[in-house]
C-alpha cells in the first residue's frame, strides 16, 4: 500500500526465500538460530530491493521460524525471543522512538483541513484499539479459537486494552510512510498520536484507580492486586 515502486524480480526472490525457510522448518525440521538469522538477512536485503519496506521482512521471517521444538528442547522461536527481547526492549525501541518522535511545533499549521486525519488517529488509538482488543478477545474465546487464562479476568484484559492506546512507535512509523512527501501531515499525525497516548494514560490511570477504590470499598478479593495494577 505504501510502496512507491515495486520490483517484481526481487519480490519473487524474497518469496522464494520465504518458501525455502518454511520448507526448512516443516520438512527438514531445521532449528538452528544461525540458519534463520542468515536467511533473514538475505530476506531483508531482497525485500528492501523489491520496493516493499524492509521491516516487512521481519514479519514474514517470523512466520517461518519454528514455534515448537522437534527435539524436546526450547523452540527456535523461544530461544530467539530470550536472545532478542532484552536487546529490543533496551536499545532498539528506545532508539526508534528517539529518532522518530521529533515534532516540529509551528503556529501556521492549518488543522481545519486535516480534521479527519487527527480525529481519526485520536479516536482510532484511544477508542478503536480498546474496542478492537476487547471484541476480538471475546469473539476468539467465544468461538474457541483462543482460550482466556483462568487467572485473568475480563477486567484485566480491559485495562490492558486501555493501556494499548499508549503505544505510538508503529503509529508514527506508518504515518511517515503514508505521508512521506508531506511534512505538515506527518507533524499533525505525530501530535495526534501523542495526544491519544496522553488520553490513554489518563483513562488507564483513572479507570484502574476507580476499580481499586471500589474493590476496597466492597472488601472483595480480586485477581488484580493493587501492586500489579499500579505497575
C-alpha atoms as a PDB file:
ATOM      1  CA  UNK A   1       0.000   0.000   0.000  1.00  0.00           C
ATOM      2  CA  UNK A   2       2.772   2.458   0.928  1.00  0.00           C
ATOM      3  CA  UNK A   3       5.362   1.354  -1.632  1.00  0.00           C
ATOM      4  CA  UNK A   4       6.306   3.805  -4.372  1.00  0.00           C
ATOM      5  CA  UNK A   5       7.822   1.350  -6.886  1.00  0.00           C
ATOM      6  CA  UNK A   6       7.702  -2.449  -6.876  1.00  0.00           C
ATOM      7  CA  UNK A   7      10.463  -4.571  -8.401  1.00  0.00           C
ATOM      8  CA  UNK A   8       8.788  -7.911  -9.018  1.00  0.00           C
ATOM      9  CA  UNK A   9      12.063  -9.730  -9.703  1.00  0.00           C
ATOM     10  CA  UNK A  10      13.357  -9.052  -6.196  1.00  0.00           C
ATOM     11  CA  UNK A  11       9.878  -9.656  -4.793  1.00  0.00           C
ATOM     12  CA  UNK A  12       9.837 -13.155  -6.344  1.00  0.00           C
ATOM     13  CA  UNK A  13      13.309 -13.846  -4.938  1.00  0.00           C
ATOM     14  CA  UNK A  14      12.077 -12.757  -1.491  1.00  0.00           C
ATOM     15  CA  UNK A  15       9.059 -15.030  -1.816  1.00  0.00           C
ATOM     16  CA  UNK A  16      11.347 -17.928  -2.840  1.00  0.00           C
ATOM     17  CA  UNK A  17      13.493 -17.395   0.264  1.00  0.00           C
ATOM     18  CA  UNK A  18      10.355 -17.440   2.417  1.00  0.00           C
ATOM     19  CA  UNK A  19       9.193 -20.721   0.839  1.00  0.00           C
ATOM     20  CA  UNK A  20      12.662 -22.187   1.417  1.00  0.00           C
ATOM     21  CA  UNK A  21      12.521 -21.178   5.073  1.00  0.00           C
ATOM     22  CA  UNK A  22       9.090 -22.746   5.539  1.00  0.00           C
ATOM     23  CA  UNK A  23      10.280 -25.993   3.901  1.00  0.00           C
ATOM     24  CA  UNK A  24      13.369 -25.981   6.143  1.00  0.00           C
ATOM     25  CA  UNK A  25      11.081 -25.663   9.158  1.00  0.00           C
ATOM     26  CA  UNK A  26       8.252 -28.033   8.294  1.00  0.00           C
ATOM     27  CA  UNK A  27      10.015 -30.628   6.137  1.00  0.00           C
ATOM     28  CA  UNK A  28      13.641 -30.709   7.274  1.00  0.00           C
ATOM     29  CA  UNK A  29      12.874 -29.526  10.823  1.00  0.00           C
ATOM     30  CA  UNK A  30      15.901 -27.220  10.971  1.00  0.00           C
ATOM     31  CA  UNK A  31      16.149 -25.468  14.343  1.00  0.00           C
ATOM     32  CA  UNK A  32      19.451 -23.600  14.006  1.00  0.00           C
ATOM     33  CA  UNK A  33      19.217 -19.955  15.059  1.00  0.00           C
ATOM     34  CA  UNK A  34      22.220 -19.098  12.844  1.00  0.00           C
ATOM     35  CA  UNK A  35      20.455 -20.554   9.799  1.00  0.00           C
ATOM     36  CA  UNK A  36      17.340 -18.431  10.302  1.00  0.00           C
ATOM     37  CA  UNK A  37      19.323 -15.267  11.106  1.00  0.00           C
ATOM     38  CA  UNK A  38      21.464 -15.557   7.962  1.00  0.00           C
ATOM     39  CA  UNK A  39      18.416 -16.400   5.844  1.00  0.00           C
ATOM     40  CA  UNK A  40      16.618 -13.484   7.477  1.00  0.00           C
ATOM     41  CA  UNK A  41      19.386 -11.097   6.435  1.00  0.00           C
ATOM     42  CA  UNK A  42      19.092 -12.333   2.835  1.00  0.00           C
ATOM     43  CA  UNK A  43      15.326 -11.936   3.029  1.00  0.00           C
ATOM     44  CA  UNK A  44      15.695  -8.396   4.387  1.00  0.00           C
ATOM     45  CA  UNK A  45      18.114  -7.495   1.578  1.00  0.00           C
ATOM     46  CA  UNK A  46      15.853  -8.620  -1.256  1.00  0.00           C
ATOM     47  CA  UNK A  47      12.664  -7.270   0.324  1.00  0.00           C
ATOM     48  CA  UNK A  48      14.390  -3.899   0.633  1.00  0.00           C
ATOM     49  CA  UNK A  49      15.429  -4.020  -3.045  1.00  0.00           C
ATOM     50  CA  UNK A  50      11.893  -5.004  -4.078  1.00  0.00           C
ATOM     51  CA  UNK A  51      10.491  -1.619  -3.045  1.00  0.00           C
ATOM     52  CA  UNK A  52       8.447  -3.030  -0.166  1.00  0.00           C
ATOM     53  CA  UNK A  53       9.521  -1.586   3.185  1.00  0.00           C
ATOM     54  CA  UNK A  54      12.250  -3.766   4.672  1.00  0.00           C
ATOM     55  CA  UNK A  55      10.519  -4.094   8.060  1.00  0.00           C
ATOM     56  CA  UNK A  56       8.040  -6.447   6.372  1.00  0.00           C
ATOM     57  CA  UNK A  57      10.882  -8.971   6.113  1.00  0.00           C
ATOM     58  CA  UNK A  58      10.897  -9.335   9.908  1.00  0.00           C
ATOM     59  CA  UNK A  59       7.191 -10.132   9.924  1.00  0.00           C
ATOM     60  CA  UNK A  60       7.363 -12.768   7.189  1.00  0.00           C
ATOM     61  CA  UNK A  61      10.554 -14.242   8.700  1.00  0.00           C
ATOM     62  CA  UNK A  62       8.673 -14.813  11.966  1.00  0.00           C
ATOM     63  CA  UNK A  63       6.136 -16.919  10.049  1.00  0.00           C
ATOM     64  CA  UNK A  64       8.874 -19.398   9.078  1.00  0.00           C
ATOM     65  CA  UNK A  65      10.691 -19.728  12.416  1.00  0.00           C
ATOM     66  CA  UNK A  66       9.750 -22.962  14.295  1.00  0.00           C
ATOM     67  CA  UNK A  67       7.369 -22.161  17.147  1.00  0.00           C
ATOM     68  CA  UNK A  68       7.566 -25.675  18.570  1.00  0.00           C
ATOM     69  CA  UNK A  69      10.569 -27.866  19.267  1.00  0.00           C
ATOM     70  CA  UNK A  70      11.260 -31.060  17.360  1.00  0.00           C
ATOM     71  CA  UNK A  71      13.903 -32.246  19.821  1.00  0.00           C
ATOM     72  CA  UNK A  72      12.232 -31.768  23.241  1.00  0.00           C
ATOM     73  CA  UNK A  73      14.149 -28.552  23.848  1.00  0.00           C
ATOM     74  CA  UNK A  74      13.027 -24.953  23.707  1.00  0.00           C
ATOM     75  CA  UNK A  75      11.716 -23.999  20.289  1.00  0.00           C
ATOM     76  CA  UNK A  76      13.812 -21.808  17.989  1.00  0.00           C
ATOM     77  CA  UNK A  77      11.269 -19.028  18.469  1.00  0.00           C
ATOM     78  CA  UNK A  78      11.549 -19.218  22.274  1.00  0.00           C
ATOM     79  CA  UNK A  79      15.353 -19.183  22.125  1.00  0.00           C
ATOM     80  CA  UNK A  80      15.351 -16.230  19.749  1.00  0.00           C
ATOM     81  CA  UNK A  81      12.909 -14.422  21.990  1.00  0.00           C
ATOM     82  CA  UNK A  82      15.151 -14.895  25.030  1.00  0.00           C
ATOM     83  CA  UNK A  83      18.084 -13.620  22.980  1.00  0.00           C
ATOM     84  CA  UNK A  84      16.464 -10.631  21.269  1.00  0.00           C
ATOM     85  CA  UNK A  85      13.838  -9.292  23.694  1.00  0.00           C
ATOM     86  CA  UNK A  86      16.365  -7.610  26.056  1.00  0.00           C
ATOM     87  CA  UNK A  87      18.185  -6.045  23.079  1.00  0.00           C
ATOM     88  CA  UNK A  88      14.909  -4.940  21.527  1.00  0.00           C
ATOM     89  CA  UNK A  89      13.458  -3.528  24.754  1.00  0.00           C
ATOM     90  CA  UNK A  90      16.590  -1.764  25.990  1.00  0.00           C
ATOM     91  CA  UNK A  91      18.056  -0.470  22.721  1.00  0.00           C
ATOM     92  CA  UNK A  92      16.026  -0.909  19.515  1.00  0.00           C
ATOM     93  CA  UNK A  93      12.646   0.518  20.593  1.00  0.00           C
ATOM     94  CA  UNK A  94      14.120   3.455  22.599  1.00  0.00           C
ATOM     95  CA  UNK A  95      16.395   4.356  19.649  1.00  0.00           C
ATOM     96  CA  UNK A  96      13.477   4.103  17.231  1.00  0.00           C
ATOM     97  CA  UNK A  97      11.298   6.304  19.413  1.00  0.00           C
ATOM     98  CA  UNK A  98      14.105   8.817  19.954  1.00  0.00           C
ATOM     99  CA  UNK A  99      14.808   9.072  16.219  1.00  0.00           C
ATOM    100  CA  UNK A 100      11.211   9.253  15.016  1.00  0.00           C
ATOM    101  CA  UNK A 101       9.169  11.116  17.620  1.00  0.00           C
ATOM    102  CA  UNK A 102      10.538  14.577  16.793  1.00  0.00           C
ATOM    103  CA  UNK A 103       7.746  17.080  16.126  1.00  0.00           C
ATOM    104  CA  UNK A 104       8.157  20.475  14.566  1.00  0.00           C
ATOM    105  CA  UNK A 105       5.868  22.780  16.511  1.00  0.00           C
ATOM    106  CA  UNK A 106       4.721  25.651  14.315  1.00  0.00           C
ATOM    107  CA  UNK A 107       1.850  28.084  14.626  1.00  0.00           C
ATOM    108  CA  UNK A 108       0.900  28.222  10.955  1.00  0.00           C
ATOM    109  CA  UNK A 109      -0.354  24.650  10.561  1.00  0.00           C
ATOM    110  CA  UNK A 110      -3.886  24.612   9.183  1.00  0.00           C
ATOM    111  CA  UNK A 111      -5.665  21.978  11.249  1.00  0.00           C
ATOM    112  CA  UNK A 112      -9.081  22.673   9.713  1.00  0.00           C
ATOM    113  CA  UNK A 113      -8.248  20.820   6.511  1.00  0.00           C
ATOM    114  CA  UNK A 114      -6.739  17.867   8.411  1.00  0.00           C
ATOM    115  CA  UNK A 115      -9.560  17.272  10.910  1.00  0.00           C
ATOM    116  CA  UNK A 116     -10.397  13.778   9.564  1.00  0.00           C
ATOM    117  CA  UNK A 117      -6.722  12.868   9.940  1.00  0.00           C
ATOM    118  CA  UNK A 118      -6.107  13.873  13.542  1.00  0.00           C
ATOM    119  CA  UNK A 119      -9.591  12.880  14.736  1.00  0.00           C
ATOM    120  CA  UNK A 120      -9.206   9.506  13.051  1.00  0.00           C
ATOM    121  CA  UNK A 121      -5.858   8.938  14.741  1.00  0.00           C
ATOM    122  CA  UNK A 122      -7.030  10.058  18.189  1.00  0.00           C
ATOM    123  CA  UNK A 123     -10.241   8.017  18.082  1.00  0.00           C
ATOM    124  CA  UNK A 124      -8.504   5.064  16.453  1.00  0.00           C
ATOM    125  CA  UNK A 125      -5.848   4.784  19.147  1.00  0.00           C
ATOM    126  CA  UNK A 126      -7.706   5.824  22.298  1.00  0.00           C
ATOM    127  CA  UNK A 127     -11.099   4.280  21.426  1.00  0.00           C
ATOM    128  CA  UNK A 128     -10.601   1.915  18.490  1.00  0.00           C
ATOM    129  CA  UNK A 129      -7.768  -0.118  20.000  1.00  0.00           C
ATOM    130  CA  UNK A 130      -9.572  -0.889  23.300  1.00  0.00           C
ATOM    131  CA  UNK A 131     -12.745  -1.807  21.400  1.00  0.00           C
ATOM    132  CA  UNK A 132     -10.830  -3.950  18.935  1.00  0.00           C
ATOM    133  CA  UNK A 133      -8.842  -5.782  21.601  1.00  0.00           C
ATOM    134  CA  UNK A 134     -11.907  -6.499  23.739  1.00  0.00           C
ATOM    135  CA  UNK A 135     -14.048  -7.531  20.765  1.00  0.00           C
ATOM    136  CA  UNK A 136     -11.545  -9.926  19.217  1.00  0.00           C
ATOM    137  CA  UNK A 137     -10.504 -11.398  22.576  1.00  0.00           C
ATOM    138  CA  UNK A 138     -14.148 -12.061  23.422  1.00  0.00           C
ATOM    139  CA  UNK A 139     -15.022 -13.474  19.991  1.00  0.00           C
ATOM    140  CA  UNK A 140     -11.864 -15.594  19.917  1.00  0.00           C
ATOM    141  CA  UNK A 141     -12.719 -17.032  23.332  1.00  0.00           C
ATOM    142  CA  UNK A 142     -16.396 -17.489  22.396  1.00  0.00           C
ATOM    143  CA  UNK A 143     -15.599 -19.292  19.133  1.00  0.00           C
ATOM    144  CA  UNK A 144     -12.863 -21.389  20.824  1.00  0.00           C
ATOM    145  CA  UNK A 145     -10.078 -20.006  18.625  1.00  0.00           C
ATOM    146  CA  UNK A 146      -8.288 -18.908  21.781  1.00  0.00           C
ATOM    147  CA  UNK A 147      -8.705 -19.557  25.488  1.00  0.00           C
ATOM    148  CA  UNK A 148      -8.618 -16.908  28.191  1.00  0.00           C
ATOM    149  CA  UNK A 149      -6.341 -17.937  31.078  1.00  0.00           C
ATOM    150  CA  UNK A 150      -8.400 -18.802  34.148  1.00  0.00           C
ATOM    151  CA  UNK A 151      -6.390 -16.486  36.415  1.00  0.00           C
ATOM    152  CA  UNK A 152      -7.002 -13.469  34.135  1.00  0.00           C
ATOM    153  CA  UNK A 153     -10.299 -11.599  34.384  1.00  0.00           C
ATOM    154  CA  UNK A 154     -12.063  -9.716  31.607  1.00  0.00           C
ATOM    155  CA  UNK A 155     -11.497  -6.562  33.621  1.00  0.00           C
ATOM    156  CA  UNK A 156      -7.730  -7.155  33.437  1.00  0.00           C
ATOM    157  CA  UNK A 157      -7.960  -7.512  29.657  1.00  0.00           C
ATOM    158  CA  UNK A 158      -9.963  -4.288  29.522  1.00  0.00           C
ATOM    159  CA  UNK A 159      -7.249  -2.457  31.479  1.00  0.00           C
ATOM    160  CA  UNK A 160      -4.600  -3.753  29.078  1.00  0.00           C
ATOM    161  CA  UNK A 161      -6.733  -2.649  26.119  1.00  0.00           C
ATOM    162  CA  UNK A 162      -6.826   0.886  27.525  1.00  0.00           C
ATOM    163  CA  UNK A 163      -3.075   0.888  28.039  1.00  0.00           C
ATOM    164  CA  UNK A 164      -2.567  -0.315  24.443  1.00  0.00           C
ATOM    165  CA  UNK A 165      -3.552   3.133  23.192  1.00  0.00           C
ATOM    166  CA  UNK A 166      -0.272   4.476  24.611  1.00  0.00           C
ATOM    167  CA  UNK A 167       1.863   2.641  22.043  1.00  0.00           C
ATOM    168  CA  UNK A 168       2.979   5.119  19.399  1.00  0.00           C
ATOM    169  CA  UNK A 169       6.087   3.761  17.647  1.00  0.00           C
ATOM    170  CA  UNK A 170       4.269   1.871  14.882  1.00  0.00           C
ATOM    171  CA  UNK A 171       1.695   4.658  14.512  1.00  0.00           C
ATOM    172  CA  UNK A 172       4.476   7.152  13.824  1.00  0.00           C
ATOM    173  CA  UNK A 173       6.160   4.675  11.506  1.00  0.00           C
ATOM    174  CA  UNK A 174       3.012   4.174   9.417  1.00  0.00           C
ATOM    175  CA  UNK A 175       2.310   7.919   9.368  1.00  0.00           C
ATOM    176  CA  UNK A 176       5.766   8.635   7.977  1.00  0.00           C
ATOM    177  CA  UNK A 177       5.236   6.044   5.262  1.00  0.00           C
ATOM    178  CA  UNK A 178       1.738   7.240   4.399  1.00  0.00           C
ATOM    179  CA  UNK A 179       2.622  10.957   4.200  1.00  0.00           C
ATOM    180  CA  UNK A 180       6.233  10.611   3.058  1.00  0.00           C
ATOM    181  CA  UNK A 181       6.039  13.718   0.833  1.00  0.00           C
ATOM    182  CA  UNK A 182       4.061  15.926   3.228  1.00  0.00           C
ATOM    183  CA  UNK A 183       5.929  17.034   6.352  1.00  0.00           C
ATOM    184  CA  UNK A 184       2.949  19.049   7.606  1.00  0.00           C
ATOM    185  CA  UNK A 185       0.668  15.994   7.666  1.00  0.00           C
ATOM    186  CA  UNK A 186       3.394  13.948   9.353  1.00  0.00           C
ATOM    187  CA  UNK A 187       3.695  16.529  12.144  1.00  0.00           C
ATOM    188  CA  UNK A 188      -0.093  16.713  12.562  1.00  0.00           C
ATOM    189  CA  UNK A 189      -0.217  12.917  12.734  1.00  0.00           C
ATOM    190  CA  UNK A 190       2.555  12.842  15.346  1.00  0.00           C
ATOM    191  CA  UNK A 191       0.778  15.414  17.503  1.00  0.00           C
ATOM    192  CA  UNK A 192      -2.459  13.416  17.278  1.00  0.00           C
ATOM    193  CA  UNK A 193      -0.594  10.223  18.230  1.00  0.00           C
ATOM    194  CA  UNK A 194       0.925  11.868  21.325  1.00  0.00           C
ATOM    195  CA  UNK A 195      -2.458  13.369  22.279  1.00  0.00           C
ATOM    196  CA  UNK A 196      -4.102   9.942  22.027  1.00  0.00           C
ATOM    197  CA  UNK A 197      -1.282   8.438  24.113  1.00  0.00           C
ATOM    198  CA  UNK A 198      -1.921  11.069  26.796  1.00  0.00           C
ATOM    199  CA  UNK A 199      -5.662  10.298  26.709  1.00  0.00           C
ATOM    200  CA  UNK A 200      -4.932   6.574  27.067  1.00  0.00           C
ATOM    201  CA  UNK A 201      -2.580   7.189  30.001  1.00  0.00           C
ATOM    202  CA  UNK A 202      -5.202   9.310  31.777  1.00  0.00           C
ATOM    203  CA  UNK A 203      -8.038   6.866  31.021  1.00  0.00           C
ATOM    204  CA  UNK A 204      -5.972   3.900  32.234  1.00  0.00           C
ATOM    205  CA  UNK A 205      -4.906   5.617  35.447  1.00  0.00           C
ATOM    206  CA  UNK A 206      -8.411   6.884  36.289  1.00  0.00           C
ATOM    207  CA  UNK A 207     -10.167   3.606  35.447  1.00  0.00           C
ATOM    208  CA  UNK A 208      -7.716   1.423  37.355  1.00  0.00           C
ATOM    209  CA  UNK A 209      -7.749   3.789  40.351  1.00  0.00           C
ATOM    210  CA  UNK A 210     -11.558   3.722  40.472  1.00  0.00           C
ATOM    211  CA  UNK A 211     -11.554  -0.067  40.226  1.00  0.00           C
ATOM    212  CA  UNK A 212      -9.089  -0.405  43.112  1.00  0.00           C
ATOM    213  CA  UNK A 213     -11.115   2.041  45.199  1.00  0.00           C
ATOM    214  CA  UNK A 214     -14.388   0.174  44.544  1.00  0.00           C
ATOM    215  CA  UNK A 215     -12.773  -3.166  45.381  1.00  0.00           C
ATOM    216  CA  UNK A 216     -11.508  -1.778  48.657  1.00  0.00           C
ATOM    217  CA  UNK A 217     -14.960  -0.451  49.495  1.00  0.00           C
ATOM    218  CA  UNK A 218     -16.582  -3.789  48.767  1.00  0.00           C
ATOM    219  CA  UNK A 219     -13.756  -5.592  50.547  1.00  0.00           C
ATOM    220  CA  UNK A 220     -13.555  -8.132  47.760  1.00  0.00           C
ATOM    221  CA  UNK A 221     -10.534 -10.151  46.728  1.00  0.00           C
ATOM    222  CA  UNK A 222      -9.629  -9.930  43.066  1.00  0.00           C
ATOM    223  CA  UNK A 223      -7.074 -11.434  40.773  1.00  0.00           C
ATOM    224  CA  UNK A 224      -5.668  -7.951  40.129  1.00  0.00           C
ATOM    225  CA  UNK A 225      -3.771  -6.715  43.181  1.00  0.00           C
ATOM    226  CA  UNK A 226      -3.070  -3.035  43.640  1.00  0.00           C
ATOM    227  CA  UNK A 227       0.638  -3.671  43.102  1.00  0.00           C
ATOM    228  CA  UNK A 228       0.187  -5.097  39.614  1.00  0.00           C
ATOM    229  CA  UNK A 229      -2.487  -2.583  38.646  1.00  0.00           C
ATOM    230  CA  UNK A 230      -0.373   0.423  39.549  1.00  0.00           C
ATOM    231  CA  UNK A 231       2.621  -1.161  37.753  1.00  0.00           C
END
